[in-house]
């Protein structure tokens, strides 16, 4: 049934209700007949009974529809997570680059003044050593027994090779 027809019937029903509170008239009789005709039309509407097969088919279709949308939602969430990680990596890379530029600038300034830039360059090597050491120790903690990968770098402070 259309919404407009439903609203019209609702209005007619309220109008009859108002007539019942007051005096009965010919217009109220006419509205009563129209509503009775609409009730007869609604009662003559045939509905097929729902069988188990129809119900299971409906459930299967609804579940399939849900799976499709859940998959799309999960895919979208993974894409957004990937974008967020990528933006974080870009920001992290920019911060590291800016920090390295500062160290190189300070080293160049010390060279210009005639001093040795080794202290500034050592800070770059220490950062690189700490990162490499973290990566290798992390791999060894995750996969014990795989620590025989080559380590050609040495600790800039001690000169000792990693074991």
N, C-alpha and C. Protein backbone atom coordinates (compact mmCIF):
# COMPACT_ATOMS: atom_id res chain seq x y z
N UNK A 1 0.85 -1.17 0.00
CA UNK A 1 0.00 0.00 0.00
C UNK A 1 0.90 1.23 0.00
N UNK A 2 0.48 2.20 -0.72
CA UNK A 2 1.29 3.41 -0.81
C UNK A 2 1.12 4.25 0.45
N UNK A 3 2.14 5.03 0.71
CA UNK A 3 2.15 5.86 1.91
C UNK A 3 1.04 6.91 1.87
N UNK A 4 0.81 7.45 0.68
CA UNK A 4 -0.23 8.49 0.55
C UNK A 4 -1.61 7.94 0.91
N UNK A 5 -1.90 6.72 0.41
CA UNK A 5 -3.19 6.09 0.71
C UNK A 5 -3.30 5.80 2.20
N UNK A 6 -2.21 5.34 2.78
CA UNK A 6 -2.21 5.04 4.21
C UNK A 6 -2.47 6.29 5.04
N UNK A 7 -1.83 7.39 4.66
CA UNK A 7 -2.05 8.65 5.37
C UNK A 7 -3.48 9.15 5.19
N UNK A 8 -4.05 8.94 4.00
CA UNK A 8 -5.44 9.34 3.75
C UNK A 8 -6.39 8.54 4.64
N UNK A 9 -6.16 7.23 4.74
CA UNK A 9 -7.00 6.39 5.60
C UNK A 9 -6.85 6.77 7.06
N UNK A 10 -5.65 7.09 7.46
CA UNK A 10 -5.42 7.51 8.84
C UNK A 10 -6.19 8.79 9.15
N UNK A 11 -6.17 9.72 8.21
CA UNK A 11 -6.91 10.97 8.37
C UNK A 11 -8.42 10.72 8.46
N UNK A 12 -8.91 9.80 7.60
CA UNK A 12 -10.33 9.47 7.63
C UNK A 12 -10.71 8.83 8.96
N UNK A 13 -9.86 7.98 9.46
CA UNK A 13 -10.13 7.31 10.74
C UNK A 13 -10.19 8.32 11.87
N UNK A 14 -9.31 9.29 11.86
CA UNK A 14 -9.33 10.32 12.90
C UNK A 14 -10.60 11.17 12.79
N UNK A 15 -11.01 11.42 11.55
CA UNK A 15 -12.22 12.23 11.33
C UNK A 15 -13.46 11.50 11.86
N UNK A 16 -13.54 10.19 11.63
CA UNK A 16 -14.68 9.42 12.17
C UNK A 16 -14.62 9.40 13.68
N UNK A 17 -13.42 9.31 14.23
CA UNK A 17 -13.27 9.34 15.69
C UNK A 17 -13.82 10.65 16.25
N UNK A 18 -13.57 11.74 15.57
CA UNK A 18 -14.10 13.04 16.01
C UNK A 18 -15.63 13.07 15.91
N UNK A 19 -16.19 12.44 14.85
CA UNK A 19 -17.65 12.38 14.73
C UNK A 19 -18.26 11.56 15.86
N UNK A 20 -17.57 10.51 16.26
CA UNK A 20 -18.10 9.67 17.34
C UNK A 20 -18.15 10.42 18.66
N UNK A 21 -17.29 11.40 18.82
CA UNK A 21 -17.29 12.20 20.05
C UNK A 21 -18.44 13.20 20.06
N UNK A 22 -18.89 13.57 18.87
CA UNK A 22 -19.94 14.59 18.78
C UNK A 22 -21.19 14.03 18.12
N UNK A 23 -21.81 14.85 17.24
CA UNK A 23 -23.04 14.47 16.55
C UNK A 23 -22.71 13.62 15.33
N UNK A 24 -23.54 12.60 15.09
CA UNK A 24 -23.40 11.74 13.92
C UNK A 24 -24.07 12.44 12.75
N UNK A 25 -23.42 12.43 11.56
CA UNK A 25 -23.99 13.12 10.41
C UNK A 25 -23.87 12.23 9.19
N UNK A 26 -24.35 12.75 8.08
CA UNK A 26 -24.29 12.02 6.82
C UNK A 26 -22.83 11.87 6.35
N UNK A 27 -22.02 12.88 6.60
CA UNK A 27 -20.60 12.81 6.21
C UNK A 27 -19.90 11.70 7.00
N UNK A 28 -20.24 11.54 8.26
CA UNK A 28 -19.65 10.48 9.07
C UNK A 28 -20.07 9.12 8.53
N UNK A 29 -21.30 9.01 8.09
CA UNK A 29 -21.79 7.74 7.51
C UNK A 29 -21.01 7.42 6.23
N UNK A 30 -20.78 8.43 5.41
CA UNK A 30 -20.03 8.24 4.16
C UNK A 30 -18.58 7.82 4.46
N UNK A 31 -17.94 8.46 5.41
CA UNK A 31 -16.57 8.08 5.78
C UNK A 31 -16.52 6.66 6.32
N UNK A 32 -17.54 6.29 7.08
CA UNK A 32 -17.61 4.94 7.63
C UNK A 32 -17.68 3.92 6.50
N UNK A 33 -18.49 4.17 5.48
CA UNK A 33 -18.60 3.25 4.33
C UNK A 33 -17.28 3.16 3.57
N UNK A 34 -16.60 4.30 3.37
CA UNK A 34 -15.32 4.29 2.66
C UNK A 34 -14.28 3.45 3.42
N UNK A 35 -14.26 3.61 4.72
CA UNK A 35 -13.31 2.83 5.52
C UNK A 35 -13.65 1.35 5.49
N UNK A 36 -14.94 1.02 5.52
CA UNK A 36 -15.34 -0.39 5.44
C UNK A 36 -14.93 -0.99 4.10
N UNK A 37 -15.04 -0.19 3.02
CA UNK A 37 -14.61 -0.68 1.70
C UNK A 37 -13.10 -0.92 1.68
N UNK A 38 -12.34 -0.02 2.27
CA UNK A 38 -10.89 -0.19 2.32
C UNK A 38 -10.52 -1.42 3.16
N UNK A 39 -11.26 -1.65 4.25
CA UNK A 39 -11.01 -2.83 5.08
C UNK A 39 -11.30 -4.10 4.27
N UNK A 40 -12.37 -4.06 3.47
CA UNK A 40 -12.70 -5.22 2.64
C UNK A 40 -11.61 -5.47 1.60
N UNK A 41 -11.08 -4.41 1.02
CA UNK A 41 -9.99 -4.55 0.04
C UNK A 41 -8.76 -5.16 0.71
N UNK A 42 -8.44 -4.68 1.90
CA UNK A 42 -7.28 -5.23 2.61
C UNK A 42 -7.50 -6.69 2.99
N UNK A 43 -8.70 -7.02 3.40
CA UNK A 43 -8.98 -8.41 3.79
C UNK A 43 -8.96 -9.35 2.60
N UNK A 44 -9.25 -8.84 1.41
CA UNK A 44 -9.24 -9.71 0.23
C UNK A 44 -7.83 -9.88 -0.35
N UNK A 45 -6.87 -9.18 0.18
CA UNK A 45 -5.49 -9.31 -0.31
C UNK A 45 -4.97 -10.69 0.06
N UNK A 46 -4.44 -11.38 -0.93
CA UNK A 46 -3.95 -12.75 -0.70
C UNK A 46 -2.46 -12.71 -0.42
N UNK A 47 -2.10 -13.37 0.66
CA UNK A 47 -0.69 -13.53 1.01
C UNK A 47 -0.36 -15.00 1.01
N UNK A 48 0.72 -15.34 0.37
CA UNK A 48 1.15 -16.73 0.38
C UNK A 48 1.81 -17.04 1.70
N UNK A 49 1.53 -18.21 2.25
CA UNK A 49 2.18 -18.56 3.52
C UNK A 49 3.68 -18.78 3.31
N UNK A 50 4.44 -18.47 4.33
CA UNK A 50 5.89 -18.63 4.25
C UNK A 50 6.24 -20.07 4.60
N UNK A 51 6.96 -20.70 3.70
CA UNK A 51 7.38 -22.08 3.95
C UNK A 51 8.80 -22.07 4.50
N UNK A 52 9.21 -23.21 5.00
CA UNK A 52 10.58 -23.36 5.53
C UNK A 52 11.59 -23.10 4.42
N UNK A 53 11.28 -23.58 3.22
CA UNK A 53 12.19 -23.39 2.09
C UNK A 53 12.36 -21.90 1.76
N UNK A 54 11.25 -21.17 1.75
CA UNK A 54 11.33 -19.72 1.50
C UNK A 54 12.13 -19.01 2.59
N UNK A 55 11.88 -19.42 3.82
CA UNK A 55 12.58 -18.79 4.95
C UNK A 55 14.08 -19.06 4.88
N UNK A 56 14.47 -20.31 4.61
CA UNK A 56 15.90 -20.63 4.52
C UNK A 56 16.54 -19.92 3.34
N UNK A 57 15.80 -19.80 2.24
CA UNK A 57 16.33 -19.07 1.09
C UNK A 57 16.56 -17.60 1.44
N UNK A 58 15.61 -17.02 2.17
CA UNK A 58 15.76 -15.62 2.58
C UNK A 58 16.95 -15.46 3.52
N UNK A 59 17.11 -16.37 4.47
CA UNK A 59 18.24 -16.31 5.41
C UNK A 59 19.56 -16.44 4.65
N UNK A 60 19.62 -17.36 3.69
CA UNK A 60 20.84 -17.56 2.90
C UNK A 60 21.18 -16.30 2.11
N UNK A 61 20.18 -15.70 1.48
CA UNK A 61 20.42 -14.46 0.73
C UNK A 61 20.88 -13.33 1.64
N UNK A 62 20.25 -13.22 2.80
CA UNK A 62 20.63 -12.16 3.75
C UNK A 62 22.05 -12.37 4.24
N UNK A 63 22.42 -13.62 4.53
CA UNK A 63 23.77 -13.90 5.00
C UNK A 63 24.80 -13.63 3.91
N UNK A 64 24.46 -14.00 2.67
CA UNK A 64 25.37 -13.74 1.55
C UNK A 64 25.58 -12.24 1.37
N UNK A 65 24.50 -11.48 1.46
CA UNK A 65 24.59 -10.03 1.36
C UNK A 65 25.46 -9.47 2.47
N UNK A 66 25.28 -9.99 3.70
CA UNK A 66 26.09 -9.54 4.84
C UNK A 66 27.56 -9.87 4.62
N UNK A 67 27.85 -11.06 4.10
CA UNK A 67 29.25 -11.45 3.87
C UNK A 67 29.92 -10.52 2.86
N UNK A 68 29.18 -10.16 1.82
CA UNK A 68 29.75 -9.27 0.81
C UNK A 68 30.09 -7.92 1.43
N UNK A 69 29.17 -7.36 2.20
CA UNK A 69 29.42 -6.04 2.78
C UNK A 69 30.45 -6.10 3.89
N UNK A 70 30.48 -7.18 4.65
CA UNK A 70 31.51 -7.32 5.69
C UNK A 70 32.88 -7.41 5.05
N UNK A 71 32.97 -8.13 3.93
CA UNK A 71 34.24 -8.22 3.21
C UNK A 71 34.67 -6.87 2.67
N UNK A 72 33.73 -6.11 2.14
CA UNK A 72 34.07 -4.78 1.63
C UNK A 72 34.51 -3.87 2.77
N UNK A 73 33.84 -3.98 3.92
CA UNK A 73 34.22 -3.17 5.08
C UNK A 73 35.62 -3.54 5.55
N UNK A 74 35.91 -4.84 5.62
CA UNK A 74 37.24 -5.27 6.05
C UNK A 74 38.30 -4.80 5.07
N UNK A 75 38.02 -4.90 3.78
CA UNK A 75 38.98 -4.45 2.77
C UNK A 75 39.24 -2.95 2.91
N UNK A 76 38.17 -2.19 3.11
CA UNK A 76 38.32 -0.74 3.30
C UNK A 76 39.12 -0.41 4.54
N UNK A 77 38.88 -1.17 5.62
CA UNK A 77 39.64 -0.94 6.86
C UNK A 77 41.12 -1.23 6.66
N UNK A 78 41.42 -2.29 5.92
CA UNK A 78 42.83 -2.63 5.65
C UNK A 78 43.48 -1.55 4.80
N UNK A 79 42.77 -1.05 3.81
CA UNK A 79 43.32 0.02 2.96
C UNK A 79 43.57 1.27 3.79
N UNK A 80 42.62 1.63 4.65
CA UNK A 80 42.82 2.82 5.50
C UNK A 80 43.98 2.62 6.47
N UNK A 81 44.11 1.42 7.02
CA UNK A 81 45.23 1.14 7.91
C UNK A 81 46.55 1.24 7.15
N UNK A 82 46.58 0.72 5.93
CA UNK A 82 47.79 0.82 5.11
C UNK A 82 48.15 2.27 4.81
N UNK A 83 47.14 3.08 4.51
CA UNK A 83 47.39 4.51 4.27
C UNK A 83 47.93 5.19 5.51
N UNK A 84 47.36 4.84 6.65
CA UNK A 84 47.82 5.45 7.90
C UNK A 84 49.27 5.06 8.20
N UNK A 85 49.62 3.79 8.02
CA UNK A 85 51.00 3.34 8.24
C UNK A 85 51.94 4.03 7.27
N UNK A 86 51.51 4.14 6.03
CA UNK A 86 52.36 4.80 5.03
C UNK A 86 52.59 6.27 5.38
N UNK A 87 51.55 6.97 5.81
CA UNK A 87 51.72 8.37 6.22
C UNK A 87 52.64 8.48 7.43
N UNK A 88 52.50 7.54 8.37
CA UNK A 88 53.38 7.55 9.54
C UNK A 88 54.83 7.33 9.11
N UNK A 89 55.06 6.39 8.19
CA UNK A 89 56.42 6.13 7.72
C UNK A 89 57.00 7.34 6.99
N UNK A 90 56.18 8.01 6.21
CA UNK A 90 56.66 9.21 5.51
C UNK A 90 57.03 10.28 6.53
N UNK A 91 56.17 10.49 7.52
CA UNK A 91 56.47 11.48 8.56
C UNK A 91 57.72 11.12 9.34
N UNK A 92 57.85 9.83 9.67
CA UNK A 92 59.03 9.37 10.41
C UNK A 92 60.29 9.59 9.57
N UNK A 93 60.20 9.28 8.29
CA UNK A 93 61.35 9.47 7.40
C UNK A 93 61.72 10.95 7.30
N UNK A 94 60.72 11.83 7.22
CA UNK A 94 61.00 13.26 7.14
C UNK A 94 61.66 13.77 8.42
N UNK A 95 61.19 13.27 9.58
CA UNK A 95 61.80 13.69 10.85
C UNK A 95 63.25 13.21 10.93
N UNK A 96 63.50 11.96 10.52
CA UNK A 96 64.87 11.43 10.53
C UNK A 96 65.76 12.23 9.58
N UNK A 97 65.23 12.54 8.41
CA UNK A 97 66.00 13.30 7.43
C UNK A 97 66.34 14.68 7.98
N UNK A 98 65.36 15.32 8.62
CA UNK A 98 65.60 16.65 9.20
C UNK A 98 66.66 16.57 10.30
N UNK A 99 66.59 15.52 11.12
CA UNK A 99 67.58 15.37 12.19
C UNK A 99 68.98 15.13 11.60
N UNK A 100 69.07 14.33 10.56
CA UNK A 100 70.36 14.09 9.92
C UNK A 100 70.90 15.36 9.26
N UNK A 101 69.99 16.16 8.68
CA UNK A 101 70.43 17.43 8.09
C UNK A 101 71.03 18.34 9.15
N UNK A 102 70.41 18.36 10.34
CA UNK A 102 70.94 19.19 11.43
C UNK A 102 72.32 18.72 11.82
N UNK A 103 72.50 17.40 11.95
CA UNK A 103 73.81 16.86 12.34
C UNK A 103 74.86 17.19 11.28
N UNK A 104 74.51 17.01 10.01
CA UNK A 104 75.46 17.32 8.94
C UNK A 104 75.77 18.82 8.92
N UNK A 105 74.75 19.66 9.14
CA UNK A 105 74.98 21.10 9.19
C UNK A 105 75.92 21.46 10.33
N UNK A 106 75.71 20.83 11.49
CA UNK A 106 76.58 21.10 12.63
C UNK A 106 78.00 20.62 12.34
N UNK A 107 78.12 19.47 11.67
CA UNK A 107 79.45 18.98 11.31
C UNK A 107 80.13 19.94 10.33
N UNK A 108 79.37 20.45 9.36
CA UNK A 108 79.95 21.39 8.39
C UNK A 108 80.35 22.69 9.09
N UNK A 109 79.56 23.12 10.07
CA UNK A 109 79.89 24.33 10.82
C UNK A 109 81.18 24.14 11.60
N UNK A 110 81.35 22.97 12.20
CA UNK A 110 82.59 22.72 12.95
C UNK A 110 83.79 22.64 12.02
N UNK A 111 83.60 22.11 10.81
CA UNK A 111 84.70 22.09 9.83
C UNK A 111 85.06 23.52 9.45
N UNK A 112 84.02 24.35 9.23
CA UNK A 112 84.25 25.74 8.86
C UNK A 112 85.02 26.48 9.95
N UNK A 113 84.76 26.13 11.21
CA UNK A 113 85.46 26.77 12.33
C UNK A 113 86.84 26.18 12.54
N UNK A 114 87.14 25.10 11.87
CA UNK A 114 88.47 24.51 11.99
C UNK A 114 88.55 23.37 12.99
N UNK A 115 87.44 22.96 13.57
CA UNK A 115 87.45 21.86 14.54
C UNK A 115 87.13 20.54 13.83
N UNK A 116 87.27 19.47 14.56
CA UNK A 116 87.01 18.14 14.00
C UNK A 116 85.51 17.83 14.09
N UNK A 117 84.91 17.36 13.00
CA UNK A 117 83.48 17.05 13.00
C UNK A 117 83.18 15.63 13.50
N UNK A 118 84.18 14.95 14.03
CA UNK A 118 83.99 13.54 14.39
C UNK A 118 82.89 13.33 15.41
N UNK A 119 82.74 14.24 16.34
CA UNK A 119 81.71 14.04 17.37
C UNK A 119 80.31 14.05 16.77
N UNK A 120 80.09 14.91 15.78
CA UNK A 120 78.77 14.96 15.14
C UNK A 120 78.57 13.75 14.25
N UNK A 121 79.59 13.37 13.51
CA UNK A 121 79.47 12.21 12.64
C UNK A 121 79.32 10.93 13.44
N UNK A 122 79.96 10.88 14.63
CA UNK A 122 79.82 9.70 15.49
C UNK A 122 78.38 9.55 15.96
N UNK A 123 77.68 10.66 16.16
CA UNK A 123 76.28 10.54 16.58
C UNK A 123 75.44 9.90 15.48
N UNK A 124 75.77 10.20 14.21
CA UNK A 124 75.07 9.53 13.12
C UNK A 124 75.38 8.04 13.12
N UNK A 125 76.66 7.69 13.33
CA UNK A 125 77.04 6.28 13.35
C UNK A 125 76.40 5.55 14.53
N UNK A 126 76.31 6.22 15.69
CA UNK A 126 75.68 5.60 16.85
C UNK A 126 74.20 5.30 16.57
N UNK A 127 73.54 6.24 15.90
CA UNK A 127 72.13 6.01 15.58
C UNK A 127 72.00 4.84 14.61
N UNK A 128 72.87 4.77 13.63
CA UNK A 128 72.84 3.68 12.67
C UNK A 128 73.14 2.36 13.36
N UNK A 129 74.13 2.35 14.25
CA UNK A 129 74.49 1.14 14.98
C UNK A 129 73.33 0.68 15.85
N UNK A 130 72.69 1.61 16.54
CA UNK A 130 71.58 1.25 17.42
C UNK A 130 70.43 0.65 16.62
N UNK A 131 70.16 1.21 15.44
CA UNK A 131 69.10 0.68 14.60
C UNK A 131 69.44 -0.72 14.11
N UNK A 132 70.67 -0.90 13.62
CA UNK A 132 71.08 -2.22 13.14
C UNK A 132 71.06 -3.25 14.26
N UNK A 133 71.56 -2.86 15.43
CA UNK A 133 71.59 -3.78 16.56
C UNK A 133 70.16 -4.16 16.97
N UNK A 134 69.25 -3.19 16.96
CA UNK A 134 67.86 -3.48 17.31
C UNK A 134 67.25 -4.46 16.31
N UNK A 135 67.49 -4.23 15.03
CA UNK A 135 66.91 -5.11 14.00
C UNK A 135 67.44 -6.53 14.14
N UNK A 136 68.76 -6.68 14.31
CA UNK A 136 69.35 -8.02 14.41
C UNK A 136 68.89 -8.73 15.68
N UNK A 137 68.85 -8.02 16.80
CA UNK A 137 68.42 -8.67 18.04
C UNK A 137 66.94 -9.03 17.98
N UNK A 138 66.15 -8.21 17.28
CA UNK A 138 64.73 -8.50 17.15
C UNK A 138 64.52 -9.75 16.30
N UNK A 139 65.27 -9.89 15.22
CA UNK A 139 65.16 -11.08 14.37
C UNK A 139 65.56 -12.31 15.16
N UNK A 140 66.63 -12.21 15.95
CA UNK A 140 67.08 -13.36 16.73
C UNK A 140 66.06 -13.73 17.80
N UNK A 141 65.38 -12.74 18.38
CA UNK A 141 64.38 -13.07 19.40
C UNK A 141 63.15 -13.72 18.78
N UNK A 142 62.81 -13.33 17.56
CA UNK A 142 61.65 -13.92 16.90
C UNK A 142 61.95 -15.31 16.34
N UNK A 143 63.14 -15.46 15.77
CA UNK A 143 63.53 -16.70 15.12
C UNK A 143 64.86 -17.17 15.68
N UNK A 144 64.85 -17.87 16.82
CA UNK A 144 66.11 -18.31 17.41
C UNK A 144 66.84 -19.28 16.48
N UNK A 145 68.14 -19.19 16.51
CA UNK A 145 68.95 -20.07 15.68
C UNK A 145 69.21 -19.54 14.30
N UNK A 146 68.66 -18.38 13.97
CA UNK A 146 68.90 -17.81 12.64
C UNK A 146 69.89 -16.66 12.72
N UNK A 147 70.70 -16.65 13.74
CA UNK A 147 71.62 -15.53 13.96
C UNK A 147 72.90 -15.63 13.17
N UNK A 148 72.97 -16.48 12.17
CA UNK A 148 74.21 -16.61 11.41
C UNK A 148 74.18 -15.78 10.13
N UNK A 149 73.41 -14.70 10.10
CA UNK A 149 73.44 -13.81 8.94
C UNK A 149 74.64 -12.87 9.08
N UNK A 150 75.18 -12.40 7.99
CA UNK A 150 76.43 -11.62 8.04
C UNK A 150 76.24 -10.28 8.74
N UNK A 151 77.24 -9.95 9.53
CA UNK A 151 77.26 -8.65 10.21
C UNK A 151 78.61 -8.01 9.93
N UNK A 152 78.66 -7.17 8.97
CA UNK A 152 79.93 -6.58 8.58
C UNK A 152 80.22 -5.30 9.34
N UNK A 153 79.25 -4.75 10.03
CA UNK A 153 79.46 -3.47 10.70
C UNK A 153 80.09 -3.67 12.06
N UNK A 154 80.74 -2.66 12.52
CA UNK A 154 81.33 -2.71 13.86
C UNK A 154 80.76 -1.58 14.68
N UNK A 155 80.84 -1.73 15.98
CA UNK A 155 80.39 -0.69 16.89
C UNK A 155 81.38 0.47 16.79
N UNK A 156 80.94 1.67 16.45
CA UNK A 156 81.88 2.78 16.28
C UNK A 156 82.58 3.17 17.58
N UNK A 157 81.99 2.89 18.70
CA UNK A 157 82.63 3.26 19.96
C UNK A 157 83.69 2.25 20.38
N UNK A 158 83.39 0.99 20.20
CA UNK A 158 84.28 -0.04 20.72
C UNK A 158 85.14 -0.70 19.65
N UNK A 159 84.70 -0.64 18.42
CA UNK A 159 85.46 -1.27 17.35
C UNK A 159 85.30 -2.78 17.34
N UNK A 160 84.49 -3.33 18.22
CA UNK A 160 84.32 -4.78 18.27
C UNK A 160 83.24 -5.20 17.28
N UNK A 161 83.46 -6.35 16.71
CA UNK A 161 82.46 -6.88 15.77
C UNK A 161 81.33 -7.51 16.57
N UNK A 162 80.14 -7.50 15.98
CA UNK A 162 79.00 -8.16 16.64
C UNK A 162 79.21 -9.65 16.63
N UNK A 163 78.64 -10.30 17.58
CA UNK A 163 78.77 -11.77 17.65
C UNK A 163 77.52 -12.43 17.18
